[in-house]
């Protein structure tokens, strides 16, 4: 479980660090924005690895259902309301990873 915590911390930390560097050099702000997509990808990988490790955990299954609903929602509708889901899913997965016992 420790490696999932490290991987999640790195995924969240990359855009934050790039945005902080962006205070001094504005080109880093665009990289921080683009790196949020990498954060989402890494977090989906963390979620799948977590699910493989604890496949009966209801809360991780709920996270994966949320990810599927997000991708189905943005691909099947033109609604902008689905874009609130990635930050919520990010926080939810982080809480799951950091509150689990080793």
C-alpha atoms as a PDB file:
ATOM      1  CA  UNK A   1       0.000   0.000   0.000  1.00  0.00           C
ATOM      2  CA  UNK A   2       2.966   2.267   0.562  1.00  0.00           C
ATOM      3  CA  UNK A   3       3.820   2.367  -3.143  1.00  0.00           C
ATOM      4  CA  UNK A   4       0.272   3.486  -3.953  1.00  0.00           C
ATOM      5  CA  UNK A   5       0.621   6.374  -1.506  1.00  0.00           C
ATOM      6  CA  UNK A   6       3.916   7.416  -3.097  1.00  0.00           C
ATOM      7  CA  UNK A   7       2.520   7.131  -6.632  1.00  0.00           C
ATOM      8  CA  UNK A   8      -0.566   9.150  -5.690  1.00  0.00           C
ATOM      9  CA  UNK A   9       1.567  11.820  -3.998  1.00  0.00           C
ATOM     10  CA  UNK A  10       3.738  12.135  -7.104  1.00  0.00           C
ATOM     11  CA  UNK A  11       0.653  12.346  -9.338  1.00  0.00           C
ATOM     12  CA  UNK A  12      -0.833  15.160  -7.269  1.00  0.00           C
ATOM     13  CA  UNK A  13       2.490  16.898  -6.685  1.00  0.00           C
ATOM     14  CA  UNK A  14       3.560  17.301 -10.313  1.00  0.00           C
ATOM     15  CA  UNK A  15       0.928  19.912 -11.309  1.00  0.00           C
ATOM     16  CA  UNK A  16       1.285  21.712  -7.985  1.00  0.00           C
ATOM     17  CA  UNK A  17       5.064  22.021  -8.311  1.00  0.00           C
ATOM     18  CA  UNK A  18       4.812  23.131 -11.936  1.00  0.00           C
ATOM     19  CA  UNK A  19       2.214  25.741 -10.997  1.00  0.00           C
ATOM     20  CA  UNK A  20       4.447  27.071  -8.217  1.00  0.00           C
ATOM     21  CA  UNK A  21       7.360  27.328 -10.656  1.00  0.00           C
ATOM     22  CA  UNK A  22       4.917  29.095 -12.981  1.00  0.00           C
ATOM     23  CA  UNK A  23       4.944  32.044 -10.597  1.00  0.00           C
ATOM     24  CA  UNK A  24       8.461  32.801 -11.867  1.00  0.00           C
ATOM     25  CA  UNK A  25       8.154  31.553 -15.460  1.00  0.00           C
ATOM     26  CA  UNK A  26       4.709  31.638 -17.099  1.00  0.00           C
ATOM     27  CA  UNK A  27       5.478  28.818 -19.519  1.00  0.00           C
ATOM     28  CA  UNK A  28       5.300  26.389 -16.611  1.00  0.00           C
ATOM     29  CA  UNK A  29       1.632  27.262 -16.062  1.00  0.00           C
ATOM     30  CA  UNK A  30       0.693  25.620 -19.352  1.00  0.00           C
ATOM     31  CA  UNK A  31       2.742  22.547 -18.423  1.00  0.00           C
ATOM     32  CA  UNK A  32       0.950  22.429 -15.062  1.00  0.00           C
ATOM     33  CA  UNK A  33      -2.387  22.519 -16.850  1.00  0.00           C
ATOM     34  CA  UNK A  34      -1.410  19.738 -19.234  1.00  0.00           C
ATOM     35  CA  UNK A  35       0.074  17.653 -16.420  1.00  0.00           C
ATOM     36  CA  UNK A  36      -3.345  17.437 -14.766  1.00  0.00           C
ATOM     37  CA  UNK A  37      -4.253  14.978 -17.534  1.00  0.00           C
ATOM     38  CA  UNK A  38      -1.269  12.863 -16.516  1.00  0.00           C
ATOM     39  CA  UNK A  39      -2.454  13.097 -12.921  1.00  0.00           C
ATOM     40  CA  UNK A  40      -5.827  11.685 -13.927  1.00  0.00           C
ATOM     41  CA  UNK A  41      -4.200   8.856 -15.857  1.00  0.00           C
ATOM     42  CA  UNK A  42      -1.869   7.996 -12.967  1.00  0.00           C
ATOM     43  CA  UNK A  43      -4.756   8.086 -10.517  1.00  0.00           C
ATOM     44  CA  UNK A  44      -6.794   5.685 -12.648  1.00  0.00           C
ATOM     45  CA  UNK A  45      -3.767   3.355 -12.625  1.00  0.00           C
ATOM     46  CA  UNK A  46      -3.546   3.737  -8.809  1.00  0.00           C
ATOM     47  CA  UNK A  47      -7.268   2.962  -8.558  1.00  0.00           C
ATOM     48  CA  UNK A  48      -6.925  -0.184 -10.652  1.00  0.00           C
ATOM     49  CA  UNK A  49      -3.888  -1.363  -8.654  1.00  0.00           C
ATOM     50  CA  UNK A  50      -5.773  -0.663  -5.423  1.00  0.00           C
ATOM     51  CA  UNK A  51      -8.739  -2.644  -6.731  1.00  0.00           C
ATOM     52  CA  UNK A  52      -6.460  -5.567  -7.675  1.00  0.00           C
ATOM     53  CA  UNK A  53      -4.972  -5.508  -4.165  1.00  0.00           C
ATOM     54  CA  UNK A  54      -8.337  -5.243  -2.395  1.00  0.00           C
ATOM     55  CA  UNK A  55     -10.925  -6.338  -4.932  1.00  0.00           C
ATOM     56  CA  UNK A  56     -13.767  -6.656  -2.416  1.00  0.00           C
ATOM     57  CA  UNK A  57     -13.427  -3.075  -1.147  1.00  0.00           C
ATOM     58  CA  UNK A  58     -16.748  -1.347  -1.872  1.00  0.00           C
ATOM     59  CA  UNK A  59     -15.237   2.142  -1.840  1.00  0.00           C
ATOM     60  CA  UNK A  60     -12.675   1.471  -4.569  1.00  0.00           C
ATOM     61  CA  UNK A  61     -15.375  -0.130  -6.696  1.00  0.00           C
ATOM     62  CA  UNK A  62     -17.408   3.043  -6.185  1.00  0.00           C
ATOM     63  CA  UNK A  63     -14.397   5.080  -7.400  1.00  0.00           C
ATOM     64  CA  UNK A  64     -14.044   2.949 -10.532  1.00  0.00           C
ATOM     65  CA  UNK A  65     -17.778   3.266 -11.247  1.00  0.00           C
ATOM     66  CA  UNK A  66     -17.379   7.039 -10.905  1.00  0.00           C
ATOM     67  CA  UNK A  67     -14.532   7.018 -13.440  1.00  0.00           C
ATOM     68  CA  UNK A  68     -16.605   4.976 -15.871  1.00  0.00           C
ATOM     69  CA  UNK A  69     -19.590   7.297 -15.407  1.00  0.00           C
ATOM     70  CA  UNK A  70     -17.366  10.327 -16.028  1.00  0.00           C
ATOM     71  CA  UNK A  71     -15.990   8.974 -19.300  1.00  0.00           C
ATOM     72  CA  UNK A  72     -19.406   7.796 -20.448  1.00  0.00           C
ATOM     73  CA  UNK A  73     -20.921  11.146 -19.519  1.00  0.00           C
ATOM     74  CA  UNK A  74     -18.430  13.253 -21.454  1.00  0.00           C
ATOM     75  CA  UNK A  75     -18.519  10.962 -24.476  1.00  0.00           C
ATOM     76  CA  UNK A  76     -22.299  10.555 -24.719  1.00  0.00           C
ATOM     77  CA  UNK A  77     -23.519  14.043 -23.814  1.00  0.00           C
ATOM     78  CA  UNK A  78     -22.536  17.620 -24.497  1.00  0.00           C
ATOM     79  CA  UNK A  79     -23.091  18.644 -20.903  1.00  0.00           C
ATOM     80  CA  UNK A  80     -20.400  20.602 -19.094  1.00  0.00           C
ATOM     81  CA  UNK A  81     -21.651  19.404 -15.722  1.00  0.00           C
ATOM     82  CA  UNK A  82     -19.490  16.262 -15.826  1.00  0.00           C
ATOM     83  CA  UNK A  83     -16.271  18.286 -15.532  1.00  0.00           C
ATOM     84  CA  UNK A  84     -16.790  18.696 -11.785  1.00  0.00           C
ATOM     85  CA  UNK A  85     -16.214  14.953 -11.362  1.00  0.00           C
ATOM     86  CA  UNK A  86     -12.394  14.754 -11.874  1.00  0.00           C
ATOM     87  CA  UNK A  87     -11.516  16.906  -8.835  1.00  0.00           C
ATOM     88  CA  UNK A  88     -14.066  15.005  -6.757  1.00  0.00           C
ATOM     89  CA  UNK A  89     -12.671  11.656  -7.929  1.00  0.00           C
ATOM     90  CA  UNK A  90      -9.115  12.870  -7.233  1.00  0.00           C
ATOM     91  CA  UNK A  91      -9.963  13.831  -3.667  1.00  0.00           C
ATOM     92  CA  UNK A  92     -11.989  10.654  -3.123  1.00  0.00           C
ATOM     93  CA  UNK A  93      -9.180   8.365  -4.317  1.00  0.00           C
ATOM     94  CA  UNK A  94      -6.607  10.265  -2.279  1.00  0.00           C
ATOM     95  CA  UNK A  95      -8.721   9.845   0.849  1.00  0.00           C
ATOM     96  CA  UNK A  96      -9.077   6.137   0.122  1.00  0.00           C
ATOM     97  CA  UNK A  97      -5.362   5.617  -0.414  1.00  0.00           C
ATOM     98  CA  UNK A  98      -4.172   7.680   2.540  1.00  0.00           C
ATOM     99  CA  UNK A  99      -6.679   6.284   5.068  1.00  0.00           C
ATOM    100  CA  UNK A 100      -6.092   2.599   4.311  1.00  0.00           C
ATOM    101  CA  UNK A 101      -4.065   0.571   6.760  1.00  0.00           C
ATOM    102  CA  UNK A 102      -0.843  -0.956   5.447  1.00  0.00           C
END
